[in-house]
PDB file of N, CA and C in Angstrom:
ATOM      1  N   MET A   1      -2.267   1.854   7.485  1.00  0.00           N
ATOM      2  CA  MET A   1      -1.834   2.889   6.568  1.00  0.00           C
ATOM      3  C   MET A   1      -0.618   3.591   7.162  1.00  0.00           C
ATOM      4  N   ALA A   2       0.308   3.910   6.315  1.00  0.00           N
ATOM      5  CA  ALA A   2       1.477   4.685   6.723  1.00  0.00           C
ATOM      6  C   ALA A   2       1.576   5.891   5.803  1.00  0.00           C
ATOM      7  N   THR A   3       2.045   7.003   6.348  1.00  0.00           N
ATOM      8  CA  THR A   3       2.218   8.206   5.537  1.00  0.00           C
ATOM      9  C   THR A   3       3.663   8.654   5.630  1.00  0.00           C
ATOM     10  N   THR A   4       4.331   8.692   4.494  1.00  0.00           N
ATOM     11  CA  THR A   4       5.684   9.212   4.409  1.00  0.00           C
ATOM     12  C   THR A   4       5.577  10.718   4.202  1.00  0.00           C
ATOM     13  N   ILE A   5       6.414  11.473   4.910  1.00  0.00           N
ATOM     14  CA  ILE A   5       6.421  12.928   4.765  1.00  0.00           C
ATOM     15  C   ILE A   5       7.829  13.367   4.436  1.00  0.00           C
ATOM     16  N   ARG A   6       7.965  14.159   3.385  1.00  0.00           N
ATOM     17  CA  ARG A   6       9.264  14.729   3.042  1.00  0.00           C
ATOM     18  C   ARG A   6       9.061  16.166   2.589  1.00  0.00           C
ATOM     19  N   GLN A   7      10.134  16.923   2.568  1.00  0.00           N
ATOM     20  CA  GLN A   7      10.075  18.329   2.192  1.00  0.00           C
ATOM     21  C   GLN A   7      10.819  18.539   0.879  1.00  0.00           C
ATOM     22  N   LYS A   8      10.287  19.429   0.048  1.00  0.00           N
ATOM     23  CA  LYS A   8      10.972  19.785  -1.193  1.00  0.00           C
ATOM     24  C   LYS A   8      10.626  21.231  -1.515  1.00  0.00           C
ATOM     25  N   ASP A   9      11.618  22.100  -1.508  1.00  0.00           N
ATOM     26  CA  ASP A   9      11.442  23.524  -1.833  1.00  0.00           C
ATOM     27  C   ASP A   9      10.316  24.177  -1.038  1.00  0.00           C
ATOM     28  N   GLY A  10      10.239  23.867   0.246  1.00  0.00           N
ATOM     29  CA  GLY A  10       9.237  24.487   1.105  1.00  0.00           C
ATOM     30  C   GLY A  10       7.856  23.861   1.034  1.00  0.00           C
ATOM     31  N   VAL A  11       7.737  22.766   0.302  1.00  0.00           N
ATOM     32  CA  VAL A  11       6.459  22.066   0.183  1.00  0.00           C
ATOM     33  C   VAL A  11       6.562  20.741   0.941  1.00  0.00           C
ATOM     34  N   ALA A  12       5.602  20.481   1.829  1.00  0.00           N
ATOM     35  CA  ALA A  12       5.537  19.196   2.524  1.00  0.00           C
ATOM     36  C   ALA A  12       4.815  18.215   1.606  1.00  0.00           C
ATOM     37  N   ILE A  13       5.482  17.127   1.280  1.00  0.00           N
ATOM     38  CA  ILE A  13       4.900  16.115   0.396  1.00  0.00           C
ATOM     39  C   ILE A  13       4.502  14.922   1.253  1.00  0.00           C
ATOM     40  N   LEU A  14       3.205  14.657   1.300  1.00  0.00           N
ATOM     41  CA  LEU A  14       2.669  13.534   2.070  1.00  0.00           C
ATOM     42  C   LEU A  14       2.326  12.413   1.109  1.00  0.00           C
ATOM     43  N   GLU A  15       2.788  11.209   1.445  1.00  0.00           N
ATOM     44  CA  GLU A  15       2.543  10.053   0.596  1.00  0.00           C
ATOM     45  C   GLU A  15       1.895   8.939   1.421  1.00  0.00           C
ATOM     46  N   PRO A  16       0.572   9.022   1.586  1.00  0.00           N
ATOM     47  CA  PRO A  16      -0.120   7.940   2.298  1.00  0.00           C
ATOM     48  C   PRO A  16      -0.141   6.681   1.435  1.00  0.00           C
ATOM     49  N   SER A  17      -0.309   5.538   2.080  1.00  0.00           N
ATOM     50  CA  SER A  17      -0.423   4.296   1.316  1.00  0.00           C
ATOM     51  C   SER A  17      -1.505   3.417   1.939  1.00  0.00           C
ATOM     52  N   GLY A  18      -2.148   2.648   1.102  1.00  0.00           N
ATOM     53  CA  GLY A  18      -3.208   1.754   1.570  1.00  0.00           C
ATOM     54  C   GLY A  18      -4.580   2.383   1.454  1.00  0.00           C
ATOM     55  N   LYS A  19      -5.420   2.058   2.417  1.00  0.00           N
ATOM     56  CA  LYS A  19      -6.796   2.549   2.419  1.00  0.00           C
ATOM     57  C   LYS A  19      -6.934   3.669   3.445  1.00  0.00           C
ATOM     58  N   ILE A  20      -7.550   4.758   3.046  1.00  0.00           N
ATOM     59  CA  ILE A  20      -7.817   5.865   3.967  1.00  0.00           C
ATOM     60  C   ILE A  20      -9.254   5.687   4.451  1.00  0.00           C
ATOM     61  N   MET A  21      -9.367   4.829   5.468  1.00  0.00           N
ATOM     62  CA  MET A  21     -10.662   4.483   6.045  1.00  0.00           C
ATOM     63  C   MET A  21     -10.432   4.157   7.513  1.00  0.00           C
ATOM     64  N   GLY A  22     -11.456   4.328   8.335  1.00  0.00           N
ATOM     65  CA  GLY A  22     -11.367   3.952   9.742  1.00  0.00           C
ATOM     66  C   GLY A  22     -10.249   4.680  10.471  1.00  0.00           C
ATOM     67  N   ALA A  23      -9.423   3.926  11.200  1.00  0.00           N
ATOM     68  CA  ALA A  23      -8.341   4.507  11.996  1.00  0.00           C
ATOM     69  C   ALA A  23      -7.319   5.228  11.128  1.00  0.00           C
ATOM     70  N   ALA A  24      -7.170   4.813   9.886  1.00  0.00           N
ATOM     71  CA  ALA A  24      -6.199   5.443   8.985  1.00  0.00           C
ATOM     72  C   ALA A  24      -6.542   6.908   8.725  1.00  0.00           C
ATOM     73  N   VAL A  25      -7.821   7.254   8.817  1.00  0.00           N
ATOM     74  CA  VAL A  25      -8.243   8.647   8.619  1.00  0.00           C
ATOM     75  C   VAL A  25      -7.622   9.536   9.690  1.00  0.00           C
ATOM     76  N   SER A  26      -7.633   9.069  10.939  1.00  0.00           N
ATOM     77  CA  SER A  26      -7.033   9.829  12.042  1.00  0.00           C
ATOM     78  C   SER A  26      -5.538   9.988  11.845  1.00  0.00           C
ATOM     79  N   GLU A  27      -4.872   8.939  11.359  1.00  0.00           N
ATOM     80  CA  GLU A  27      -3.439   9.011  11.103  1.00  0.00           C
ATOM     81  C   GLU A  27      -3.127  10.061  10.036  1.00  0.00           C
ATOM     82  N   LEU A  28      -3.913  10.061   8.968  1.00  0.00           N
ATOM     83  CA  LEU A  28      -3.695  11.044   7.912  1.00  0.00           C
ATOM     84  C   LEU A  28      -3.978  12.447   8.429  1.00  0.00           C
ATOM     85  N   ARG A  29      -5.048  12.604   9.194  1.00  0.00           N
ATOM     86  CA  ARG A  29      -5.392  13.910   9.763  1.00  0.00           C
ATOM     87  C   ARG A  29      -4.232  14.451  10.600  1.00  0.00           C
ATOM     88  N   GLU A  30      -3.670  13.598  11.451  1.00  0.00           N
ATOM     89  CA  GLU A  30      -2.549  14.014  12.294  1.00  0.00           C
ATOM     90  C   GLU A  30      -1.346  14.429  11.451  1.00  0.00           C
ATOM     91  N   ALA A  31      -1.060  13.683  10.393  1.00  0.00           N
ATOM     92  CA  ALA A  31       0.075  14.004   9.523  1.00  0.00           C
ATOM     93  C   ALA A  31      -0.127  15.359   8.846  1.00  0.00           C
ATOM     94  N   ILE A  32      -1.337  15.609   8.358  1.00  0.00           N
ATOM     95  CA  ILE A  32      -1.620  16.873   7.678  1.00  0.00           C
ATOM     96  C   ILE A  32      -1.594  18.031   8.663  1.00  0.00           C
ATOM     97  N   VAL A  33      -2.260  17.865   9.803  1.00  0.00           N
ATOM     98  CA  VAL A  33      -2.329  18.939  10.798  1.00  0.00           C
ATOM     99  C   VAL A  33      -0.933  19.311  11.294  1.00  0.00           C
ATOM    100  N   SER A  34      -0.064  18.322  11.482  1.00  0.00           N
ATOM    101  CA  SER A  34       1.294  18.629  11.948  1.00  0.00           C
ATOM    102  C   SER A  34       2.034  19.500  10.936  1.00  0.00           C
ATOM    103  N   GLN A  35       1.781  19.267   9.658  1.00  0.00           N
ATOM    104  CA  GLN A  35       2.433  20.084   8.620  1.00  0.00           C
ATOM    105  C   GLN A  35       1.823  21.486   8.551  1.00  0.00           C
ATOM    106  N   ILE A  36       0.522  21.581   8.742  1.00  0.00           N
ATOM    107  CA  ILE A  36      -0.143  22.893   8.747  1.00  0.00           C
ATOM    108  C   ILE A  36       0.340  23.703   9.943  1.00  0.00           C
ATOM    109  N   ASP A  37       0.418  23.061  11.107  1.00  0.00           N
ATOM    110  CA  ASP A  37       0.842  23.755  12.324  1.00  0.00           C
ATOM    111  C   ASP A  37       2.301  24.205  12.262  1.00  0.00           C
ATOM    112  N   ALA A  38       3.108  23.511  11.476  1.00  0.00           N
ATOM    113  CA  ALA A  38       4.545  23.794  11.417  1.00  0.00           C
ATOM    114  C   ALA A  38       4.894  24.988  10.533  1.00  0.00           C
ATOM    115  N   SER A  39       3.921  25.581   9.880  1.00  0.00           N
ATOM    116  CA  SER A  39       4.221  26.643   8.930  1.00  0.00           C
ATOM    117  C   SER A  39       3.240  27.806   9.052  1.00  0.00           C
ATOM    118  N   ASP A  40       3.738  29.009   8.783  1.00  0.00           N
ATOM    119  CA  ASP A  40       2.863  30.187   8.773  1.00  0.00           C
ATOM    120  C   ASP A  40       1.978  30.188   7.524  1.00  0.00           C
ATOM    121  N   GLU A  41       2.507  29.714   6.411  1.00  0.00           N
ATOM    122  CA  GLU A  41       1.746  29.586   5.161  1.00  0.00           C
ATOM    123  C   GLU A  41       2.014  28.196   4.596  1.00  0.00           C
ATOM    124  N   PRO A  42       1.294  27.194   5.106  1.00  0.00           N
ATOM    125  CA  PRO A  42       1.594  25.814   4.710  1.00  0.00           C
ATOM    126  C   PRO A  42       1.378  25.545   3.224  1.00  0.00           C
ATOM    127  N   ARG A  43       2.315  24.815   2.674  1.00  0.00           N
ATOM    128  CA  ARG A  43       2.232  24.352   1.288  1.00  0.00           C
ATOM    129  C   ARG A  43       2.337  22.834   1.365  1.00  0.00           C
ATOM    130  N   ILE A  44       1.251  22.164   1.014  1.00  0.00           N
ATOM    131  CA  ILE A  44       1.190  20.710   1.176  1.00  0.00           C
ATOM    132  C   ILE A  44       0.774  20.071  -0.141  1.00  0.00           C
ATOM    133  N   LEU A  45       1.467  18.986  -0.469  1.00  0.00           N
ATOM    134  CA  LEU A  45       1.123  18.191  -1.640  1.00  0.00           C
ATOM    135  C   LEU A  45       0.836  16.775  -1.155  1.00  0.00           C
ATOM    136  N   ILE A  46      -0.319  16.249  -1.522  1.00  0.00           N
ATOM    137  CA  ILE A  46      -0.669  14.882  -1.141  1.00  0.00           C
ATOM    138  C   ILE A  46      -0.629  14.020  -2.399  1.00  0.00           C
ATOM    139  N   ASN A  47       0.236  13.009  -2.350  1.00  0.00           N
ATOM    140  CA  ASN A  47       0.399  12.088  -3.469  1.00  0.00           C
ATOM    141  C   ASN A  47      -0.419  10.831  -3.188  1.00  0.00           C
ATOM    142  N   PHE A  48      -1.467  10.619  -3.972  1.00  0.00           N
ATOM    143  CA  PHE A  48      -2.377   9.484  -3.764  1.00  0.00           C
ATOM    144  C   PHE A  48      -1.980   8.240  -4.557  1.00  0.00           C
ATOM    145  N   GLU A  49      -0.774   8.212  -5.079  1.00  0.00           N
ATOM    146  CA  GLU A  49      -0.345   7.107  -5.934  1.00  0.00           C
ATOM    147  C   GLU A  49      -0.495   5.735  -5.269  1.00  0.00           C
ATOM    148  N   ARG A  50      -0.223   5.640  -3.970  1.00  0.00           N
ATOM    149  CA  ARG A  50      -0.276   4.349  -3.266  1.00  0.00           C
ATOM    150  C   ARG A  50      -1.542   4.179  -2.433  1.00  0.00           C
ATOM    151  N   VAL A  51      -2.559   5.002  -2.702  1.00  0.00           N
ATOM    152  CA  VAL A  51      -3.837   4.885  -1.990  1.00  0.00           C
ATOM    153  C   VAL A  51      -4.845   4.230  -2.936  1.00  0.00           C
ATOM    154  N   ASN A  52      -5.439   3.127  -2.486  1.00  0.00           N
ATOM    155  CA  ASN A  52      -6.371   2.441  -3.375  1.00  0.00           C
ATOM    156  C   ASN A  52      -7.832   2.654  -3.006  1.00  0.00           C
ATOM    157  N   MET A  53      -8.087   3.247  -1.821  1.00  0.00           N
ATOM    158  CA  MET A  53      -9.473   3.483  -1.433  1.00  0.00           C
ATOM    159  C   MET A  53      -9.532   4.568  -0.362  1.00  0.00           C
ATOM    160  N   MET A  54     -10.606   5.347  -0.407  1.00  0.00           N
ATOM    161  CA  MET A  54     -10.834   6.367   0.606  1.00  0.00           C
ATOM    162  C   MET A  54     -12.337   6.476   0.806  1.00  0.00           C
ATOM    163  N   ASP A  55     -12.759   6.633   2.066  1.00  0.00           N
ATOM    164  CA  ASP A  55     -14.183   6.783   2.328  1.00  0.00           C
ATOM    165  C   ASP A  55     -14.526   8.242   2.603  1.00  0.00           C
ATOM    166  N   SER A  56     -15.768   8.492   2.953  1.00  0.00           N
ATOM    167  CA  SER A  56     -16.217   9.876   3.159  1.00  0.00           C
ATOM    168  C   SER A  56     -15.527  10.529   4.358  1.00  0.00           C
ATOM    169  N   SER A  57     -15.093   9.734   5.334  1.00  0.00           N
ATOM    170  CA  SER A  57     -14.346  10.293   6.467  1.00  0.00           C
ATOM    171  C   SER A  57     -12.998  10.841   6.002  1.00  0.00           C
ATOM    172  N   GLY A  58     -12.362  10.125   5.085  1.00  0.00           N
ATOM    173  CA  GLY A  58     -11.105  10.603   4.504  1.00  0.00           C
ATOM    174  C   GLY A  58     -11.320  11.893   3.742  1.00  0.00           C
ATOM    175  N   LEU A  59     -12.411  11.943   2.999  1.00  0.00           N
ATOM    176  CA  LEU A  59     -12.741  13.158   2.263  1.00  0.00           C
ATOM    177  C   LEU A  59     -12.994  14.318   3.229  1.00  0.00           C
ATOM    178  N   GLY A  60     -13.672  14.034   4.326  1.00  0.00           N
ATOM    179  CA  GLY A  60     -13.917  15.061   5.339  1.00  0.00           C
ATOM    180  C   GLY A  60     -12.615  15.581   5.930  1.00  0.00           C
ATOM    181  N   THR A  61     -11.660  14.686   6.123  1.00  0.00           N
ATOM    182  CA  THR A  61     -10.346  15.096   6.628  1.00  0.00           C
ATOM    183  C   THR A  61      -9.668  16.038   5.638  1.00  0.00           C
ATOM    184  N   LEU A  62      -9.743  15.714   4.357  1.00  0.00           N
ATOM    185  CA  LEU A  62      -9.147  16.589   3.341  1.00  0.00           C
ATOM    186  C   LEU A  62      -9.836  17.953   3.316  1.00  0.00           C
ATOM    187  N   MET A  63     -11.156  17.943   3.464  1.00  0.00           N
ATOM    188  CA  MET A  63     -11.902  19.209   3.497  1.00  0.00           C
ATOM    189  C   MET A  63     -11.468  20.059   4.690  1.00  0.00           C
ATOM    190  N   GLY A  64     -11.390  19.445   5.860  1.00  0.00           N
ATOM    191  CA  GLY A  64     -10.968  20.162   7.059  1.00  0.00           C
ATOM    192  C   GLY A  64      -9.562  20.713   6.915  1.00  0.00           C
ATOM    193  N   ALA A  65      -8.676  19.923   6.321  1.00  0.00           N
ATOM    194  CA  ALA A  65      -7.301  20.377   6.098  1.00  0.00           C
ATOM    195  C   ALA A  65      -7.272  21.562   5.149  1.00  0.00           C
ATOM    196  N   HIS A  66      -8.097  21.494   4.113  1.00  0.00           N
ATOM    197  CA  HIS A  66      -8.171  22.601   3.158  1.00  0.00           C
ATOM    198  C   HIS A  66      -8.607  23.891   3.854  1.00  0.00           C
ATOM    199  N   VAL A  67      -9.637  23.801   4.666  1.00  0.00           N
ATOM    200  CA  VAL A  67     -10.155  24.977   5.388  1.00  0.00           C
ATOM    201  C   VAL A  67      -9.082  25.539   6.317  1.00  0.00           C
ATOM    202  N   THR A  68      -8.438  24.662   7.092  1.00  0.00           N
ATOM    203  CA  THR A  68      -7.425  25.100   8.045  1.00  0.00           C
ATOM    204  C   THR A  68      -6.228  25.733   7.338  1.00  0.00           C
ATOM    205  N   ALA A  69      -5.771  25.099   6.266  1.00  0.00           N
ATOM    206  CA  ALA A  69      -4.625  25.639   5.522  1.00  0.00           C
ATOM    207  C   ALA A  69      -4.974  26.977   4.882  1.00  0.00           C
ATOM    208  N   THR A  70      -6.178  27.095   4.335  1.00  0.00           N
ATOM    209  CA  THR A  70      -6.601  28.329   3.683  1.00  0.00           C
ATOM    210  C   THR A  70      -6.658  29.493   4.674  1.00  0.00           C
ATOM    211  N   ARG A  71      -7.081  29.216   5.884  1.00  0.00           N
ATOM    212  CA  ARG A  71      -7.118  30.265   6.920  1.00  0.00           C
ATOM    213  C   ARG A  71      -5.726  30.811   7.213  1.00  0.00           C
ATOM    214  N   LYS A  72      -4.706  29.983   6.988  1.00  0.00           N
ATOM    215  CA  LYS A  72      -3.326  30.408   7.210  1.00  0.00           C
ATOM    216  C   LYS A  72      -2.667  30.846   5.896  1.00  0.00           C
ATOM    217  N   LYS A  73      -3.497  31.120   4.883  1.00  0.00           N
ATOM    218  CA  LYS A  73      -3.024  31.498   3.549  1.00  0.00           C
ATOM    219  C   LYS A  73      -2.159  30.395   2.915  1.00  0.00           C
ATOM    220  N   GLY A  74      -2.470  29.157   3.272  1.00  0.00           N
ATOM    221  CA  GLY A  74      -1.753  28.014   2.733  1.00  0.00           C
ATOM    222  C   GLY A  74      -2.478  27.406   1.544  1.00  0.00           C
ATOM    223  N   ARG A  75      -1.855  26.389   0.981  1.00  0.00           N
ATOM    224  CA  ARG A  75      -2.429  25.706  -0.178  1.00  0.00           C
ATOM    225  C   ARG A  75      -2.197  24.213  -0.061  1.00  0.00           C
ATOM    226  N   ILE A  76      -3.150  23.446  -0.565  1.00  0.00           N
ATOM    227  CA  ILE A  76      -3.013  21.990  -0.600  1.00  0.00           C
ATOM    228  C   ILE A  76      -3.256  21.524  -2.029  1.00  0.00           C
ATOM    229  N   GLY A  77      -2.305  20.777  -2.543  1.00  0.00           N
ATOM    230  CA  GLY A  77      -2.423  20.214  -3.878  1.00  0.00           C
ATOM    231  C   GLY A  77      -2.454  18.704  -3.815  1.00  0.00           C
ATOM    232  N   VAL A  78      -2.955  18.085  -4.884  1.00  0.00           N
ATOM    233  CA  VAL A  78      -3.003  16.629  -4.963  1.00  0.00           C
ATOM    234  C   VAL A  78      -2.460  16.164  -6.308  1.00  0.00           C
ATOM    235  N   ILE A  79      -1.842  14.988  -6.285  1.00  0.00           N
ATOM    236  CA  ILE A  79      -1.385  14.350  -7.523  1.00  0.00           C
ATOM    237  C   ILE A  79      -1.714  12.864  -7.457  1.00  0.00           C
ATOM    238  N   ASN A  80      -1.725  12.249  -8.634  1.00  0.00           N
ATOM    239  CA  ASN A  80      -1.941  10.804  -8.768  1.00  0.00           C
ATOM    240  C   ASN A  80      -3.217  10.325  -8.086  1.00  0.00           C
ATOM    241  N   VAL A  81      -4.295  11.060  -8.315  1.00  0.00           N
ATOM    242  CA  VAL A  81      -5.583  10.686  -7.735  1.00  0.00           C
ATOM    243  C   VAL A  81      -6.200   9.595  -8.608  1.00  0.00           C
ATOM    244  N   GLY A  82      -6.377   8.427  -8.022  1.00  0.00           N
ATOM    245  CA  GLY A  82      -6.933   7.298  -8.757  1.00  0.00           C
ATOM    246  C   GLY A  82      -8.416   7.472  -9.044  1.00  0.00           C
ATOM    247  N   ARG A  83      -8.924   6.606  -9.899  1.00  0.00           N
ATOM    248  CA  ARG A  83     -10.309   6.705 -10.347  1.00  0.00           C
ATOM    249  C   ARG A  83     -11.313   6.661  -9.199  1.00  0.00           C
ATOM    250  N   ASN A  84     -11.137   5.750  -8.245  1.00  0.00           N
ATOM    251  CA  ASN A  84     -12.105   5.621  -7.153  1.00  0.00           C
ATOM    252  C   ASN A  84     -12.169   6.894  -6.305  1.00  0.00           C
ATOM    253  N   ILE A  85     -11.012   7.441  -5.977  1.00  0.00           N
ATOM    254  CA  ILE A  85     -10.975   8.656  -5.159  1.00  0.00           C
ATOM    255  C   ILE A  85     -11.482   9.849  -5.960  1.00  0.00           C
ATOM    256  N   LYS A  86     -11.105   9.914  -7.212  1.00  0.00           N
ATOM    257  CA  LYS A  86     -11.576  11.014  -8.062  1.00  0.00           C
ATOM    258  C   LYS A  86     -13.097  10.991  -8.167  1.00  0.00           C
ATOM    259  N   ASN A  87     -13.673   9.803  -8.323  1.00  0.00           N
ATOM    260  CA  ASN A  87     -15.137   9.683  -8.392  1.00  0.00           C
ATOM    261  C   ASN A  87     -15.794  10.179  -7.105  1.00  0.00           C
ATOM    262  N   LEU A  88     -15.198   9.849  -5.956  1.00  0.00           N
ATOM    263  CA  LEU A  88     -15.725  10.305  -4.667  1.00  0.00           C
ATOM    264  C   LEU A  88     -15.703  11.834  -4.592  1.00  0.00           C
ATOM    265  N   ILE A  89     -14.602  12.420  -5.010  1.00  0.00           N
ATOM    266  CA  ILE A  89     -14.469  13.881  -4.959  1.00  0.00           C
ATOM    267  C   ILE A  89     -15.446  14.550  -5.931  1.00  0.00           C
ATOM    268  N   VAL A  90     -15.581  13.994  -7.117  1.00  0.00           N
ATOM    269  CA  VAL A  90     -16.499  14.562  -8.117  1.00  0.00           C
ATOM    270  C   VAL A  90     -17.950  14.431  -7.649  1.00  0.00           C
ATOM    271  N   ARG A  91     -18.327  13.229  -7.158  1.00  0.00           N
ATOM    272  CA  ARG A  91     -19.708  13.019  -6.694  1.00  0.00           C
ATOM    273  C   ARG A  91     -20.079  13.956  -5.548  1.00  0.00           C
ATOM    274  N   SER A  92     -19.109  14.278  -4.715  1.00  0.00           N
ATOM    275  CA  SER A  92     -19.391  15.159  -3.578  1.00  0.00           C
ATOM    276  C   SER A  92     -19.319  16.640  -3.973  1.00  0.00           C
ATOM    277  N   ARG A  93     -19.061  16.888  -5.248  1.00  0.00           N
ATOM    278  CA  ARG A  93     -18.989  18.251  -5.799  1.00  0.00           C
ATOM    279  C   ARG A  93     -17.903  19.097  -5.139  1.00  0.00           C
ATOM    280  N   LEU A  94     -16.814  18.461  -4.771  1.00  0.00           N
ATOM    281  CA  LEU A  94     -15.709  19.159  -4.122  1.00  0.00           C
ATOM    282  C   LEU A  94     -14.474  19.231  -5.018  1.00  0.00           C
ATOM    283  N   VAL A  95     -14.629  18.801  -6.263  1.00  0.00           N
ATOM    284  CA  VAL A  95     -13.476  18.701  -7.154  1.00  0.00           C
ATOM    285  C   VAL A  95     -12.783  20.051  -7.360  1.00  0.00           C
ATOM    286  N   SER A  96     -13.518  21.145  -7.306  1.00  0.00           N
ATOM    287  CA  SER A  96     -12.921  22.442  -7.605  1.00  0.00           C
ATOM    288  C   SER A  96     -12.093  23.028  -6.465  1.00  0.00           C
ATOM    289  N   ILE A  97     -12.206  22.492  -5.242  1.00  0.00           N
ATOM    290  CA  ILE A  97     -11.453  23.095  -4.145  1.00  0.00           C
ATOM    291  C   ILE A  97     -10.020  22.573  -4.041  1.00  0.00           C
ATOM    292  N   PHE A  98      -9.747  21.423  -4.635  1.00  0.00           N
ATOM    293  CA  PHE A  98      -8.409  20.864  -4.575  1.00  0.00           C
ATOM    294  C   PHE A  98      -7.613  21.232  -5.810  1.00  0.00           C
ATOM    295  N   GLU A  99      -6.374  21.646  -5.608  1.00  0.00           N
ATOM    296  CA  GLU A  99      -5.504  21.957  -6.732  1.00  0.00           C
ATOM    297  C   GLU A  99      -4.908  20.653  -7.244  1.00  0.00           C
ATOM    298  N   HIS A 100      -5.202  20.335  -8.497  1.00  0.00           N
ATOM    299  CA  HIS A 100      -4.716  19.092  -9.105  1.00  0.00           C
ATOM    300  C   HIS A 100      -3.516  19.403  -9.982  1.00  0.00           C
ATOM    301  N   PHE A 101      -2.502  18.541  -9.911  1.00  0.00           N
ATOM    302  CA  PHE A 101      -1.304  18.722 -10.711  1.00  0.00           C
ATOM    303  C   PHE A 101      -0.984  17.425 -11.436  1.00  0.00           C
ATOM    304  N   ASP A 102      -0.293  17.544 -12.566  1.00  0.00           N
ATOM    305  CA  ASP A 102       0.053  16.379 -13.374  1.00  0.00           C
ATOM    306  C   ASP A 102       1.265  15.636 -12.845  1.00  0.00           C
ATOM    307  N   SER A 103       2.158  16.362 -12.159  1.00  0.00           N
ATOM    308  CA  SER A 103       3.371  15.719 -11.665  1.00  0.00           C
ATOM    309  C   SER A 103       3.828  16.391 -10.381  1.00  0.00           C
ATOM    310  N   GLU A 104       4.702  15.701  -9.665  1.00  0.00           N
ATOM    311  CA  GLU A 104       5.242  16.267  -8.436  1.00  0.00           C
ATOM    312  C   GLU A 104       6.043  17.528  -8.722  1.00  0.00           C
ATOM    313  N   SER A 105       6.830  17.512  -9.791  1.00  0.00           N
ATOM    314  CA  SER A 105       7.652  18.690 -10.096  1.00  0.00           C
ATOM    315  C   SER A 105       6.790  19.902 -10.431  1.00  0.00           C
ATOM    316  N   ASP A 106       5.714  19.705 -11.190  1.00  0.00           N
ATOM    317  CA  ASP A 106       4.787  20.811 -11.492  1.00  0.00           C
ATOM    318  C   ASP A 106       4.158  21.351 -10.205  1.00  0.00           C
ATOM    319  N   ALA A 107       3.756  20.437  -9.341  1.00  0.00           N
ATOM    320  CA  ALA A 107       3.095  20.826  -8.093  1.00  0.00           C
ATOM    321  C   ALA A 107       4.033  21.602  -7.186  1.00  0.00           C
ATOM    322  N   VAL A 108       5.230  21.100  -6.998  1.00  0.00           N
ATOM    323  CA  VAL A 108       6.195  21.778  -6.115  1.00  0.00           C
ATOM    324  C   VAL A 108       6.540  23.149  -6.667  1.00  0.00           C
ATOM    325  N   GLU A 109       6.720  23.240  -7.973  1.00  0.00           N
ATOM    326  CA  GLU A 109       7.040  24.536  -8.588  1.00  0.00           C
ATOM    327  C   GLU A 109       5.916  25.533  -8.349  1.00  0.00           C
ATOM    328  N   GLU A 110       4.696  25.122  -8.568  1.00  0.00           N
ATOM    329  CA  GLU A 110       3.541  26.017  -8.417  1.00  0.00           C
ATOM    330  C   GLU A 110       3.277  26.360  -6.953  1.00  0.00           C
ATOM    331  N   LEU A 111       3.272  25.350  -6.082  1.00  0.00           N
ATOM    332  CA  LEU A 111       2.975  25.602  -4.659  1.00  0.00           C
ATOM    333  C   LEU A 111       4.069  26.414  -3.983  1.00  0.00           C
ATOM    334  N   SER A 112       5.330  26.177  -4.318  1.00  0.00           N
ATOM    335  CA  SER A 112       6.423  26.893  -3.665  1.00  0.00           C
ATOM    336  C   SER A 112       6.511  28.335  -4.129  1.00  0.00           C
ATOM    337  N   SER A 113       5.964  28.641  -5.297  1.00  0.00           N
ATOM    338  CA  SER A 113       6.008  30.013  -5.803  1.00  0.00           C
ATOM    339  C   SER A 113       4.991  30.893  -5.093  1.00  0.00           C
ATOM    340  N   GLY A 114       4.052  30.280  -4.406  1.00  0.00           N
ATOM    341  CA  GLY A 114       3.024  31.050  -3.706  1.00  0.00           C
ATOM    342  C   GLY A 114       1.885  31.448  -4.614  1.00  0.00           C
ATOM    343  N   GLY A 115       2.038  31.199  -5.929  1.00  0.00           N
ATOM    344  CA  GLY A 115       1.080  31.498  -6.978  1.00  0.00           C
ATOM    345  C   GLY A 115      -0.270  31.708  -6.533  1.00  0.00           C
TER     346      GLY A 115
END
């Protein structure tokens, strides 16, 4: 798995690809934590468009990132969540903690405003 990271209007956009399972979970965790650590109020958007599978360890990483970012008054949003990942999030009853957006532009506008 590889994660591309870019910045747009103060929002770190992470674009993982492949499967978020096994060693890839640690890679994603490191990418997210580096963005959280780099900001006083982190604004992170994770684009799942190129992710085809995620296991419970990946979900745990997202939960931990959410907690850490929230403690710093940050926010984490997600876009392009595929059916398999969405089902995992819904089944685990965690769907309400992630901010879902319809597009990258909507997400960046909302997250960068501090809303």
